[in-house]
N, C-alpha and C. Protein backbone atom coordinates (compact mmCIF):
# COMPACT_ATOMS: atom_id res chain seq x y z
N MET A 1 -51.42 101.63 -45.30
CA MET A 1 -52.33 101.15 -46.30
C MET A 1 -51.64 100.13 -47.18
N LYS A 2 -52.45 99.26 -47.76
CA LYS A 2 -51.93 98.17 -48.59
C LYS A 2 -52.62 98.16 -49.95
N LEU A 3 -51.85 97.77 -50.97
CA LEU A 3 -52.40 97.56 -52.31
C LEU A 3 -52.57 96.06 -52.49
N ILE A 4 -53.80 95.64 -52.75
CA ILE A 4 -54.09 94.24 -53.03
C ILE A 4 -54.23 94.10 -54.53
N THR A 5 -53.40 93.26 -55.13
CA THR A 5 -53.48 92.97 -56.56
C THR A 5 -53.86 91.50 -56.70
N SER A 6 -55.01 91.24 -57.32
CA SER A 6 -55.50 89.88 -57.49
C SER A 6 -55.58 89.55 -58.97
N ILE A 7 -55.12 88.37 -59.32
CA ILE A 7 -55.28 87.86 -60.68
C ILE A 7 -56.29 86.72 -60.58
N ILE A 8 -57.44 86.86 -61.22
CA ILE A 8 -58.53 85.89 -61.06
C ILE A 8 -59.08 85.45 -62.42
N ARG A 9 -59.93 84.43 -62.37
CA ARG A 9 -60.63 83.98 -63.58
C ARG A 9 -61.65 85.05 -63.98
N PRO A 10 -61.82 85.30 -65.29
CA PRO A 10 -62.73 86.35 -65.73
C PRO A 10 -64.17 86.19 -65.23
N TYR A 11 -64.69 84.98 -65.20
CA TYR A 11 -66.08 84.80 -64.81
C TYR A 11 -66.31 84.96 -63.31
N LYS A 12 -65.25 85.11 -62.54
CA LYS A 12 -65.36 85.30 -61.09
C LYS A 12 -65.38 86.79 -60.70
N LEU A 13 -65.28 87.69 -61.67
CA LEU A 13 -65.17 89.11 -61.37
C LEU A 13 -66.37 89.64 -60.58
N ASP A 14 -67.58 89.33 -61.00
CA ASP A 14 -68.76 89.85 -60.29
C ASP A 14 -68.82 89.37 -58.85
N GLU A 15 -68.47 88.10 -58.64
CA GLU A 15 -68.48 87.56 -57.27
C GLU A 15 -67.43 88.25 -56.40
N VAL A 16 -66.25 88.48 -56.95
CA VAL A 16 -65.17 89.14 -56.21
C VAL A 16 -65.56 90.59 -55.92
N ARG A 17 -66.11 91.29 -56.91
CA ARG A 17 -66.53 92.67 -56.70
C ARG A 17 -67.57 92.77 -55.59
N GLU A 18 -68.55 91.89 -55.62
CA GLU A 18 -69.59 91.89 -54.59
C GLU A 18 -69.01 91.56 -53.21
N ALA A 19 -68.12 90.58 -53.15
CA ALA A 19 -67.52 90.20 -51.87
C ALA A 19 -66.68 91.34 -51.30
N LEU A 20 -65.93 92.05 -52.15
CA LEU A 20 -65.13 93.17 -51.67
C LEU A 20 -66.02 94.32 -51.19
N SER A 21 -67.11 94.55 -51.89
CA SER A 21 -68.04 95.60 -51.45
C SER A 21 -68.62 95.27 -50.08
N GLN A 22 -68.98 94.02 -49.87
CA GLN A 22 -69.52 93.61 -48.58
C GLN A 22 -68.46 93.68 -47.48
N ALA A 23 -67.18 93.54 -47.85
CA ALA A 23 -66.10 93.61 -46.87
C ALA A 23 -65.73 95.06 -46.54
N GLY A 24 -66.33 96.02 -47.23
CA GLY A 24 -66.08 97.42 -46.93
C GLY A 24 -65.10 98.12 -47.85
N VAL A 25 -64.69 97.46 -48.93
CA VAL A 25 -63.78 98.08 -49.88
C VAL A 25 -64.60 99.00 -50.79
N SER A 26 -64.22 100.27 -50.85
CA SER A 26 -65.05 101.26 -51.55
C SER A 26 -64.73 101.43 -53.03
N GLY A 27 -63.56 101.01 -53.47
CA GLY A 27 -63.22 101.18 -54.88
C GLY A 27 -62.17 100.18 -55.33
N MET A 28 -62.11 99.99 -56.64
CA MET A 28 -61.14 99.05 -57.20
C MET A 28 -60.91 99.40 -58.66
N THR A 29 -59.82 98.90 -59.20
CA THR A 29 -59.50 99.03 -60.61
C THR A 29 -59.43 97.64 -61.20
N VAL A 30 -60.05 97.46 -62.36
CA VAL A 30 -60.11 96.16 -63.01
C VAL A 30 -59.48 96.27 -64.40
N THR A 31 -58.60 95.32 -64.71
CA THR A 31 -57.91 95.30 -65.99
C THR A 31 -57.98 93.90 -66.57
N GLU A 32 -58.24 93.81 -67.88
CA GLU A 32 -58.17 92.51 -68.56
C GLU A 32 -56.71 92.25 -68.89
N VAL A 33 -56.20 91.10 -68.45
CA VAL A 33 -54.81 90.75 -68.69
C VAL A 33 -54.73 89.33 -69.26
N ARG A 34 -53.55 88.94 -69.70
CA ARG A 34 -53.32 87.59 -70.20
C ARG A 34 -52.05 87.07 -69.56
N GLY A 35 -52.01 85.79 -69.26
CA GLY A 35 -50.82 85.22 -68.67
C GLY A 35 -50.94 83.72 -68.50
N PHE A 36 -49.92 83.13 -67.90
CA PHE A 36 -49.98 81.71 -67.61
C PHE A 36 -49.12 81.41 -66.41
N GLY A 37 -49.44 80.32 -65.76
CA GLY A 37 -48.68 79.84 -64.62
C GLY A 37 -48.58 78.34 -64.76
N ARG A 38 -49.08 77.63 -63.78
CA ARG A 38 -49.03 76.17 -63.83
C ARG A 38 -49.91 75.58 -64.92
N GLN A 39 -50.91 76.34 -65.36
CA GLN A 39 -51.80 75.84 -66.40
C GLN A 39 -51.06 75.62 -67.72
N LYS A 40 -50.05 76.41 -67.98
CA LYS A 40 -49.22 76.32 -69.19
C LYS A 40 -50.02 76.46 -70.48
N GLY A 41 -51.17 77.12 -70.43
CA GLY A 41 -51.96 77.31 -71.64
C GLY A 41 -52.72 76.05 -72.00
N HIS A 42 -53.26 76.03 -73.20
CA HIS A 42 -54.00 74.87 -73.68
C HIS A 42 -54.06 74.91 -75.20
N THR A 43 -54.54 73.84 -75.80
CA THR A 43 -54.68 73.80 -77.25
C THR A 43 -56.14 73.97 -77.62
N GLU A 44 -56.36 74.62 -78.76
CA GLU A 44 -57.70 74.82 -79.27
C GLU A 44 -57.73 74.41 -80.73
N LEU A 45 -58.93 74.12 -81.21
CA LEU A 45 -59.14 73.73 -82.60
C LEU A 45 -59.89 74.85 -83.30
N TYR A 46 -59.34 75.37 -84.40
CA TYR A 46 -59.99 76.44 -85.16
C TYR A 46 -59.91 76.09 -86.64
N ARG A 47 -61.07 75.91 -87.25
CA ARG A 47 -61.16 75.56 -88.67
C ARG A 47 -60.30 74.36 -89.03
N GLY A 48 -60.34 73.38 -88.16
CA GLY A 48 -59.63 72.14 -88.41
C GLY A 48 -58.15 72.15 -88.04
N ALA A 49 -57.63 73.30 -87.67
CA ALA A 49 -56.22 73.39 -87.31
C ALA A 49 -56.10 73.53 -85.79
N GLU A 50 -55.18 72.80 -85.22
CA GLU A 50 -54.95 72.87 -83.78
C GLU A 50 -53.84 73.87 -83.49
N TYR A 51 -54.07 74.73 -82.52
CA TYR A 51 -53.03 75.69 -82.16
C TYR A 51 -52.98 75.84 -80.65
N VAL A 52 -51.83 76.29 -80.16
CA VAL A 52 -51.59 76.41 -78.72
C VAL A 52 -51.89 77.84 -78.27
N VAL A 53 -52.66 77.95 -77.20
CA VAL A 53 -52.92 79.23 -76.58
C VAL A 53 -52.04 79.31 -75.34
N ASP A 54 -50.94 80.05 -75.43
CA ASP A 54 -49.98 80.13 -74.32
C ASP A 54 -50.47 81.04 -73.20
N PHE A 55 -51.07 82.14 -73.56
CA PHE A 55 -51.51 83.11 -72.57
C PHE A 55 -53.02 83.04 -72.41
N LEU A 56 -53.45 82.79 -71.19
CA LEU A 56 -54.87 82.65 -70.89
C LEU A 56 -55.44 83.97 -70.41
N PRO A 57 -56.70 84.26 -70.75
CA PRO A 57 -57.30 85.51 -70.28
C PRO A 57 -57.55 85.47 -68.78
N LYS A 58 -57.18 86.54 -68.10
CA LYS A 58 -57.39 86.69 -66.66
C LYS A 58 -57.86 88.11 -66.40
N ILE A 59 -58.27 88.36 -65.18
CA ILE A 59 -58.69 89.69 -64.75
C ILE A 59 -57.79 90.10 -63.58
N LYS A 60 -57.27 91.33 -63.65
CA LYS A 60 -56.47 91.86 -62.54
C LYS A 60 -57.34 92.88 -61.80
N VAL A 61 -57.53 92.63 -60.51
CA VAL A 61 -58.31 93.52 -59.65
C VAL A 61 -57.35 94.15 -58.65
N GLU A 62 -57.32 95.48 -58.61
CA GLU A 62 -56.45 96.19 -57.68
C GLU A 62 -57.30 97.05 -56.76
N ALA A 63 -56.98 97.01 -55.48
CA ALA A 63 -57.69 97.82 -54.50
C ALA A 63 -56.73 98.24 -53.41
N VAL A 64 -56.80 99.50 -53.01
CA VAL A 64 -56.01 100.00 -51.89
C VAL A 64 -56.93 100.03 -50.68
N VAL A 65 -56.48 99.39 -49.61
CA VAL A 65 -57.31 99.29 -48.40
C VAL A 65 -56.50 99.72 -47.18
N PRO A 66 -57.19 100.26 -46.16
CA PRO A 66 -56.50 100.52 -44.90
C PRO A 66 -56.12 99.20 -44.22
N GLU A 67 -55.14 99.23 -43.35
CA GLU A 67 -54.64 98.02 -42.69
C GLU A 67 -55.75 97.24 -41.99
N ASP A 68 -56.72 97.95 -41.40
CA ASP A 68 -57.77 97.26 -40.64
C ASP A 68 -58.73 96.49 -41.53
N LEU A 69 -58.79 96.79 -42.83
CA LEU A 69 -59.66 96.05 -43.76
C LEU A 69 -58.92 94.96 -44.53
N LEU A 70 -57.61 94.88 -44.36
CA LEU A 70 -56.80 93.97 -45.18
C LEU A 70 -57.24 92.52 -45.06
N GLU A 71 -57.31 91.99 -43.86
CA GLU A 71 -57.65 90.58 -43.68
C GLU A 71 -59.03 90.24 -44.22
N SER A 72 -60.03 91.09 -43.95
CA SER A 72 -61.37 90.80 -44.44
C SER A 72 -61.43 90.88 -45.97
N ALA A 73 -60.67 91.80 -46.56
CA ALA A 73 -60.63 91.90 -48.02
C ALA A 73 -59.97 90.67 -48.64
N LEU A 74 -58.88 90.20 -48.03
CA LEU A 74 -58.20 89.00 -48.54
C LEU A 74 -59.11 87.78 -48.44
N GLU A 75 -59.80 87.63 -47.32
CA GLU A 75 -60.73 86.51 -47.17
C GLU A 75 -61.86 86.59 -48.18
N ALA A 76 -62.34 87.80 -48.44
CA ALA A 76 -63.43 87.98 -49.41
C ALA A 76 -62.99 87.56 -50.81
N ILE A 77 -61.80 87.97 -51.21
CA ILE A 77 -61.29 87.62 -52.54
C ILE A 77 -61.10 86.11 -52.65
N GLN A 78 -60.46 85.51 -51.65
CA GLN A 78 -60.22 84.07 -51.69
C GLN A 78 -61.53 83.29 -51.75
N GLY A 79 -62.49 83.68 -50.94
CA GLY A 79 -63.76 82.97 -50.91
C GLY A 79 -64.52 83.08 -52.21
N ALA A 80 -64.48 84.26 -52.83
CA ALA A 80 -65.24 84.47 -54.06
C ALA A 80 -64.54 83.92 -55.30
N ALA A 81 -63.22 83.90 -55.32
CA ALA A 81 -62.48 83.51 -56.52
C ALA A 81 -62.11 82.03 -56.56
N ARG A 82 -62.19 81.34 -55.44
CA ARG A 82 -61.73 79.96 -55.37
C ARG A 82 -62.70 79.00 -56.05
N THR A 83 -62.15 78.14 -56.93
CA THR A 83 -62.91 77.03 -57.50
C THR A 83 -62.31 75.70 -57.07
N GLY A 84 -61.07 75.74 -56.61
CA GLY A 84 -60.38 74.52 -56.21
C GLY A 84 -59.57 73.89 -57.33
N ALA A 85 -59.57 74.50 -58.50
CA ALA A 85 -58.84 73.97 -59.64
C ALA A 85 -57.60 74.82 -59.91
N VAL A 86 -56.64 74.24 -60.62
CA VAL A 86 -55.45 74.97 -61.03
C VAL A 86 -55.90 76.15 -61.89
N GLY A 87 -55.32 77.32 -61.66
CA GLY A 87 -55.67 78.49 -62.45
C GLY A 87 -56.58 79.47 -61.75
N ASP A 88 -56.86 79.24 -60.46
CA ASP A 88 -57.72 80.17 -59.71
C ASP A 88 -57.09 81.55 -59.58
N GLY A 89 -55.78 81.65 -59.59
CA GLY A 89 -55.13 82.95 -59.56
C GLY A 89 -54.22 83.16 -58.38
N LYS A 90 -53.82 84.40 -58.19
CA LYS A 90 -52.90 84.78 -57.12
C LYS A 90 -53.36 86.09 -56.52
N ILE A 91 -52.90 86.35 -55.29
CA ILE A 91 -53.12 87.63 -54.62
C ILE A 91 -51.76 88.13 -54.15
N PHE A 92 -51.47 89.40 -54.47
CA PHE A 92 -50.23 90.04 -54.04
C PHE A 92 -50.60 91.22 -53.14
N VAL A 93 -49.89 91.39 -52.04
CA VAL A 93 -50.13 92.50 -51.13
C VAL A 93 -48.84 93.30 -51.03
N THR A 94 -48.93 94.60 -51.30
CA THR A 94 -47.78 95.47 -51.21
C THR A 94 -48.14 96.71 -50.39
N SER A 95 -47.13 97.32 -49.79
CA SER A 95 -47.34 98.52 -49.00
C SER A 95 -47.49 99.74 -49.90
N VAL A 96 -48.32 100.67 -49.46
CA VAL A 96 -48.52 101.93 -50.17
C VAL A 96 -48.01 103.05 -49.27
N ASP A 97 -47.03 103.78 -49.76
CA ASP A 97 -46.43 104.84 -48.96
C ASP A 97 -47.24 106.12 -48.94
N GLN A 98 -47.84 106.46 -50.07
CA GLN A 98 -48.55 107.73 -50.14
C GLN A 98 -49.67 107.64 -51.16
N ILE A 99 -50.79 108.30 -50.84
CA ILE A 99 -51.93 108.41 -51.76
C ILE A 99 -52.32 109.88 -51.80
N ILE A 100 -52.57 110.38 -53.01
CA ILE A 100 -53.02 111.76 -53.17
C ILE A 100 -54.21 111.75 -54.13
N ARG A 101 -55.32 112.33 -53.71
CA ARG A 101 -56.47 112.49 -54.61
C ARG A 101 -56.19 113.75 -55.44
N ILE A 102 -56.16 113.61 -56.74
CA ILE A 102 -55.78 114.71 -57.62
C ILE A 102 -56.76 115.88 -57.52
N ARG A 103 -58.05 115.61 -57.52
CA ARG A 103 -59.06 116.66 -57.54
C ARG A 103 -58.99 117.57 -56.33
N THR A 104 -58.83 117.00 -55.14
CA THR A 104 -58.90 117.79 -53.90
C THR A 104 -57.57 117.93 -53.18
N ALA A 105 -56.55 117.24 -53.63
CA ALA A 105 -55.23 117.22 -53.00
C ALA A 105 -55.26 116.57 -51.62
N GLU A 106 -56.31 115.80 -51.31
CA GLU A 106 -56.36 115.06 -50.04
C GLU A 106 -55.26 114.00 -50.07
N GLU A 107 -54.73 113.67 -48.91
CA GLU A 107 -53.67 112.68 -48.82
C GLU A 107 -54.00 111.60 -47.82
N GLY A 108 -53.32 110.46 -47.95
CA GLY A 108 -53.48 109.36 -47.01
C GLY A 108 -54.86 108.72 -47.08
N ALA A 109 -55.38 108.29 -45.93
CA ALA A 109 -56.67 107.60 -45.88
C ALA A 109 -57.81 108.47 -46.37
N ASP A 110 -57.69 109.79 -46.23
CA ASP A 110 -58.74 110.70 -46.72
C ASP A 110 -58.88 110.63 -48.24
N ALA A 111 -57.81 110.24 -48.92
CA ALA A 111 -57.83 110.18 -50.38
C ALA A 111 -58.50 108.93 -50.93
N LEU A 112 -58.71 107.95 -50.05
CA LEU A 112 -59.40 106.73 -50.50
C LEU A 112 -60.85 107.04 -50.74
């Protein structure tokens, strides 16, 4: 099994959630995060004063998927989150050694 961690634009969350559901992903965790990459932040004007916003709001979407769903889930995220502009985000894929459902003590794929 693999853990897919995606950092995306906040307004793309609904599209990504829908695309993952259609790809067969049954659950996910969503977190509001802040960060920067190549965008390097931006400047804003507030009450006549200009200030720099270093950390931009992003959404982190995490989903654990079986190996056979990995490629379709990655394609779904890329298709739904892509705008073609700098700041679209990143996707990280890591291996998951063990999963345990706390309520039932199920392990492995049964725990998904």
